[in-house]
Amino acid sequence: MLTIFQTLGQWKTKDAKLVPYHEYLEGLTESFEYISFTYTPRMKNQFADALATLASMMLPYALLAYRTSIRTFTGATPYSLVYGMEAVLPIEVEIPSMRILAETVLEEAEWAKQRYEQLNLIDERRLKALCHGQCYQ
């Protein structure tokens, strides 16, 4: 009911985070001649609720697929453009547990060398994506 009264302009929101949304909604409602609100009983809305719940359960998998699929424009994945390295899929992880990770000892010099190589790889990938984007245009 609160949302309906706010939309009709009878009540105003006091929450600072919601004020911009409320002002935008007021602008939208002025462009309509008539706005009606209908009550949908819970029994008739169960199917939509079930679909929304199912979609929210599948969202992490959809995001993983989006982040790891290669885009034709840049020739890289969104994850690699943001983080500078390829996403590691759970099935690709070579170290199966924290116990084995704790037992694996890297010397400081070897760790620094690997980190330096990763940083160089980030610059190379960004340059490659930039060149690919310019060639695409």
Protein backbone atom coordinates (compact mmCIF):
# COMPACT_ATOMS: atom_id res chain seq x y z
CA MET A 1 0.00 0.00 0.00
CA LEU A 2 2.85 2.38 0.76
CA THR A 3 4.14 2.15 -2.81
CA ILE A 4 0.69 2.81 -4.24
CA PHE A 5 0.18 5.90 -2.09
CA GLN A 6 3.66 7.15 -3.02
CA THR A 7 2.96 6.63 -6.72
CA LEU A 8 -0.36 8.45 -6.48
CA GLY A 9 1.43 11.38 -4.84
CA GLN A 10 -0.44 11.12 -1.57
CA TRP A 11 2.67 10.25 0.44
CA LYS A 12 6.30 11.22 -0.02
CA THR A 13 9.33 9.08 0.70
CA LYS A 14 11.75 10.20 3.39
CA ASP A 15 14.51 7.70 2.66
CA ALA A 16 17.37 9.61 0.99
CA LYS A 17 18.28 6.63 -1.21
CA LEU A 18 14.76 6.42 -2.64
CA VAL A 19 14.19 10.14 -3.35
CA PRO A 20 15.77 10.09 -6.88
CA TYR A 21 13.69 7.05 -7.81
CA HIS A 22 10.55 8.69 -6.47
CA GLU A 23 11.22 11.88 -8.46
CA TYR A 24 11.79 9.83 -11.61
CA LEU A 25 8.57 7.91 -10.99
CA GLU A 26 6.66 11.16 -10.56
CA GLY A 27 7.93 12.27 -13.96
CA LEU A 28 6.81 8.99 -15.52
CA THR A 29 3.36 9.11 -13.99
CA GLU A 30 2.73 12.60 -15.41
CA SER A 31 3.04 11.21 -18.94
CA PHE A 32 0.10 8.82 -18.41
CA GLU A 33 -3.55 9.83 -18.47
CA TYR A 34 -4.71 7.14 -16.10
CA ILE A 35 -2.95 4.76 -13.71
CA SER A 36 -4.79 1.85 -12.14
CA PHE A 37 -3.69 -0.57 -9.46
CA THR A 38 -5.22 -4.01 -9.25
CA TYR A 39 -4.84 -6.47 -6.45
CA THR A 40 -3.66 -9.93 -7.47
CA PRO A 41 -4.48 -12.64 -4.94
CA ARG A 42 -1.56 -14.71 -3.73
CA MET A 43 -3.00 -17.91 -5.23
CA LYS A 44 -2.92 -16.39 -8.72
CA ASN A 45 0.60 -15.07 -8.24
CA GLN A 46 2.26 -18.31 -7.09
CA PHE A 47 3.44 -19.27 -10.57
CA ALA A 48 5.17 -15.91 -11.07
CA ASP A 49 6.76 -16.19 -7.62
CA ALA A 50 8.03 -19.68 -8.45
CA LEU A 51 9.53 -18.44 -11.73
CA ALA A 52 11.21 -15.51 -9.96
CA THR A 53 12.66 -17.84 -7.34
CA LEU A 54 13.92 -20.22 -10.02
CA ALA A 55 15.48 -17.35 -11.97
CA SER A 56 17.26 -16.03 -8.88
CA MET A 57 18.64 -19.52 -8.21
CA MET A 58 20.00 -19.75 -11.78
CA LEU A 59 21.45 -16.23 -11.87
CA PRO A 60 24.96 -17.14 -10.64
CA TYR A 61 25.30 -19.74 -13.39
CA ALA A 62 24.10 -17.29 -16.04
CA LEU A 63 26.57 -14.67 -14.82
CA LEU A 64 29.41 -17.19 -14.87
CA ALA A 65 28.54 -18.07 -18.47
CA TYR A 66 28.38 -14.39 -19.43
CA ARG A 67 31.69 -13.51 -17.78
CA THR A 68 33.59 -16.42 -19.30
CA SER A 69 32.26 -16.33 -22.88
CA ILE A 70 34.42 -14.56 -25.47
CA ARG A 71 32.98 -11.45 -27.11
CA THR A 72 33.61 -10.91 -30.83
CA PHE A 73 34.21 -7.16 -30.52
CA THR A 74 37.13 -7.34 -28.11
CA GLY A 75 38.16 -10.95 -28.57
CA ALA A 76 38.25 -11.35 -24.81
CA THR A 77 35.94 -12.20 -21.95
CA PRO A 78 34.42 -9.43 -19.79
CA TYR A 79 36.21 -10.94 -16.79
CA SER A 80 39.61 -10.72 -18.47
CA LEU A 81 39.02 -7.11 -19.51
CA VAL A 82 38.18 -6.11 -15.95
CA TYR A 83 40.66 -8.22 -14.00
CA GLY A 84 43.34 -8.73 -16.63
CA MET A 85 43.32 -12.52 -16.44
CA GLU A 86 41.08 -15.35 -17.50
CA ALA A 87 38.42 -16.57 -15.11
CA VAL A 88 39.29 -19.85 -13.44
CA LEU A 89 36.40 -22.22 -13.68
CA PRO A 90 35.83 -24.53 -10.71
CA ILE A 91 36.55 -27.57 -12.86
CA GLU A 92 39.93 -26.15 -13.91
CA VAL A 93 41.32 -25.70 -10.40
CA GLU A 94 44.39 -27.87 -9.99
CA ILE A 95 44.77 -27.61 -6.20
CA PRO A 96 41.80 -29.54 -4.78
CA SER A 97 41.85 -28.38 -1.14
CA MET A 98 43.23 -25.82 1.30
CA ARG A 99 45.28 -28.56 2.99
CA ILE A 100 47.23 -29.23 -0.19
CA LEU A 101 47.56 -25.50 -0.78
CA ALA A 102 49.00 -25.07 2.73
CA GLU A 103 51.47 -27.89 2.11
CA THR A 104 52.60 -26.34 -1.18
CA VAL A 105 55.47 -24.04 -0.28
CA LEU A 106 56.52 -21.32 -2.68
CA GLU A 107 59.75 -19.50 -2.08
CA GLU A 108 59.50 -15.73 -1.93
CA ALA A 109 61.62 -15.23 -5.05
CA GLU A 110 59.49 -17.68 -7.06
CA TRP A 111 56.29 -16.03 -5.83
CA ALA A 112 57.59 -12.56 -6.78
CA LYS A 113 58.61 -13.84 -10.23
CA GLN A 114 55.15 -15.35 -10.85
CA ARG A 115 53.44 -12.15 -9.67
CA TYR A 116 55.65 -10.04 -11.98
CA GLU A 117 54.81 -12.30 -14.93
CA GLN A 118 51.09 -11.97 -14.15
CA LEU A 119 51.38 -8.16 -14.08
CA ASN A 120 53.15 -8.16 -17.45
CA LEU A 121 50.48 -10.46 -18.83
CA ILE A 122 47.76 -8.02 -17.73
CA ASP A 123 49.32 -5.18 -19.75
CA GLU A 124 49.74 -7.44 -22.77
CA ARG A 125 46.12 -8.55 -22.66
CA ARG A 126 44.82 -5.00 -22.32
CA LEU A 127 46.97 -3.85 -25.23
CA LYS A 128 45.79 -6.80 -27.30
CA ALA A 129 42.13 -6.02 -26.51
CA LEU A 130 42.67 -2.34 -27.34
CA CYS A 131 44.28 -3.21 -30.68
CA HIS A 132 41.51 -5.66 -31.47
CA GLY A 133 38.89 -3.03 -30.65
CA GLN A 134 40.57 -0.47 -32.90
CA CYS A 135 40.83 -2.97 -35.74
CA TYR A 136 37.16 -3.82 -35.31
CA GLN A 137 36.17 -0.18 -35.81
